[in-house]
Protein backbone atom coordinates (compact mmCIF):
# COMPACT_ATOMS: atom_id res chain seq x y z
CA MET A 1 0.00 0.00 0.00
CA GLY A 2 1.47 3.37 -1.05
CA LEU A 3 1.36 6.62 0.82
CA ALA A 4 -1.15 9.15 -0.41
CA THR A 5 0.26 12.53 -1.21
CA VAL A 6 -1.67 15.68 -0.65
CA GLN A 7 -1.17 18.35 -3.27
CA PRO A 8 -1.72 21.96 -2.17
CA MET A 9 -4.39 23.85 -4.02
CA ALA A 10 -2.92 25.82 -6.88
CA GLN A 11 -3.15 29.59 -6.65
CA PRO A 12 -3.27 31.91 -9.64
CA ALA A 13 0.23 33.10 -10.49
CA ALA A 14 -0.48 36.77 -9.77
CA GLN A 15 -1.99 36.00 -6.36
CA ALA A 16 0.89 33.70 -5.45
CA ALA A 17 3.45 36.33 -6.46
CA VAL A 18 1.72 39.02 -4.42
CA GLN A 19 1.57 36.79 -1.36
CA SER A 20 5.18 35.63 -1.58
CA ALA A 21 7.70 37.14 0.79
CA PRO A 22 10.10 39.56 -0.83
CA THR A 23 13.42 37.86 -1.42
CA VAL A 24 16.24 38.49 -3.80
CA SER A 25 16.14 34.85 -4.95
CA ASN A 26 12.65 35.24 -6.48
CA PRO A 27 13.12 35.52 -10.24
CA VAL A 28 11.79 38.68 -11.83
CA PRO A 29 9.33 37.94 -14.63
CA THR A 30 10.48 39.05 -18.06
CA GLY A 31 8.70 40.17 -21.20
CA VAL A 32 5.70 42.25 -22.03
CA ALA A 33 3.26 39.48 -21.07
CA ASP A 34 4.50 39.51 -17.47
CA PHE A 35 4.13 43.27 -17.01
CA GLU A 36 0.86 42.91 -15.09
CA LEU A 37 2.35 40.26 -12.81
CA SER A 38 5.37 42.44 -11.99
CA LEU A 39 3.20 45.50 -11.47
CA ALA A 40 0.83 43.65 -9.12
CA GLU A 41 3.73 42.35 -7.06
CA LEU A 42 5.34 45.80 -6.98
CA GLU A 43 2.10 47.42 -5.80
CA ALA A 44 1.71 44.83 -3.03
CA LEU A 45 5.35 45.30 -2.04
CA VAL A 46 4.94 49.08 -1.81
CA GLY A 47 1.81 48.58 0.30
CA ARG A 48 3.69 46.40 2.78
CA MET A 49 6.58 48.87 2.93
CA GLU A 50 4.25 51.84 3.48
CA LYS A 51 2.76 50.16 6.54
CA GLY A 52 6.17 50.42 8.22
CA ASP A 53 5.94 47.01 9.90
CA LEU A 54 9.03 45.55 8.21
CA SER A 55 12.40 45.19 9.88
CA LEU A 56 15.38 46.99 8.39
CA ASP A 57 16.58 43.82 6.70
CA GLU A 58 13.10 43.09 5.30
CA SER A 59 12.84 46.68 4.11
CA LEU A 60 16.17 46.44 2.28
CA GLN A 61 15.18 43.13 0.67
CA SER A 62 11.82 44.62 -0.31
CA PHE A 63 13.49 47.69 -1.77
CA GLU A 64 15.91 45.56 -3.79
CA ARG A 65 13.06 43.40 -5.09
CA GLY A 66 11.04 46.52 -5.88
CA VAL A 67 13.88 47.99 -7.94
CA ALA A 68 14.15 44.75 -9.93
CA LEU A 69 10.38 44.70 -10.53
CA TYR A 70 10.38 48.38 -11.52
CA ARG A 71 13.16 47.76 -14.04
CA ASN A 72 11.24 44.82 -15.45
CA CYS A 73 8.12 46.95 -15.85
CA GLN A 74 10.13 49.73 -17.48
CA GLY A 75 11.72 47.24 -19.89
CA ALA A 76 8.33 45.78 -20.80
CA LEU A 77 6.99 49.27 -21.50
CA GLU A 78 9.99 50.04 -23.71
CA GLN A 79 9.44 46.78 -25.62
CA ALA A 80 5.78 47.66 -26.10
CA GLU A 81 6.69 51.14 -27.35
CA LEU A 82 9.14 49.63 -29.84
CA ARG A 83 6.47 47.26 -31.11
CA VAL A 84 4.04 50.15 -31.59
CA ARG A 85 6.71 52.12 -33.47
CA GLN A 86 7.31 49.12 -35.72
CA TRP A 87 3.58 48.82 -36.44
CA LEU A 88 3.37 52.52 -37.30
CA ASP A 89 6.24 52.33 -39.79
CA PRO A 90 7.90 48.92 -40.16
CA ASN A 91 10.46 50.32 -42.64
CA ASP A 92 11.64 53.12 -40.33
CA PRO A 93 10.49 52.60 -36.71
CA GLN A 94 12.69 55.47 -35.50
CA SER A 95 10.67 57.97 -37.56
CA ALA A 96 7.50 57.24 -35.59
CA VAL A 97 6.46 60.11 -33.35
CA PRO A 98 6.03 59.06 -29.69
CA PHE A 99 2.50 59.15 -28.38
CA ASP A 100 1.96 62.03 -25.96
CA PRO A 101 -1.43 61.86 -24.20
CA ASP A 102 -1.08 65.49 -23.07
CA THR A 103 -0.85 66.82 -26.64
CA PRO A 104 -4.27 67.71 -28.08
């Protein structure tokens, strides 16, 4: 007779990332598709830091993780902008004028 194994219930990836403790060893998602996941984790991380309940070490780890997530989000936005420029003019993407929502 074999031992029965109990599998934990799977959580959606975004919820699991938000609930995970901030550590440097957590890989930062890459690519445009993971922008929302990184942003959700970053928002949750900022919320925890704003409460002021973290130790100095936890705060430093959270800050380091937040910087990595921010850079990932920034990179994803840059990739998205490049794709839009290529769609506007595939022969000369650099000639595309950046979108400025404040310009009428």
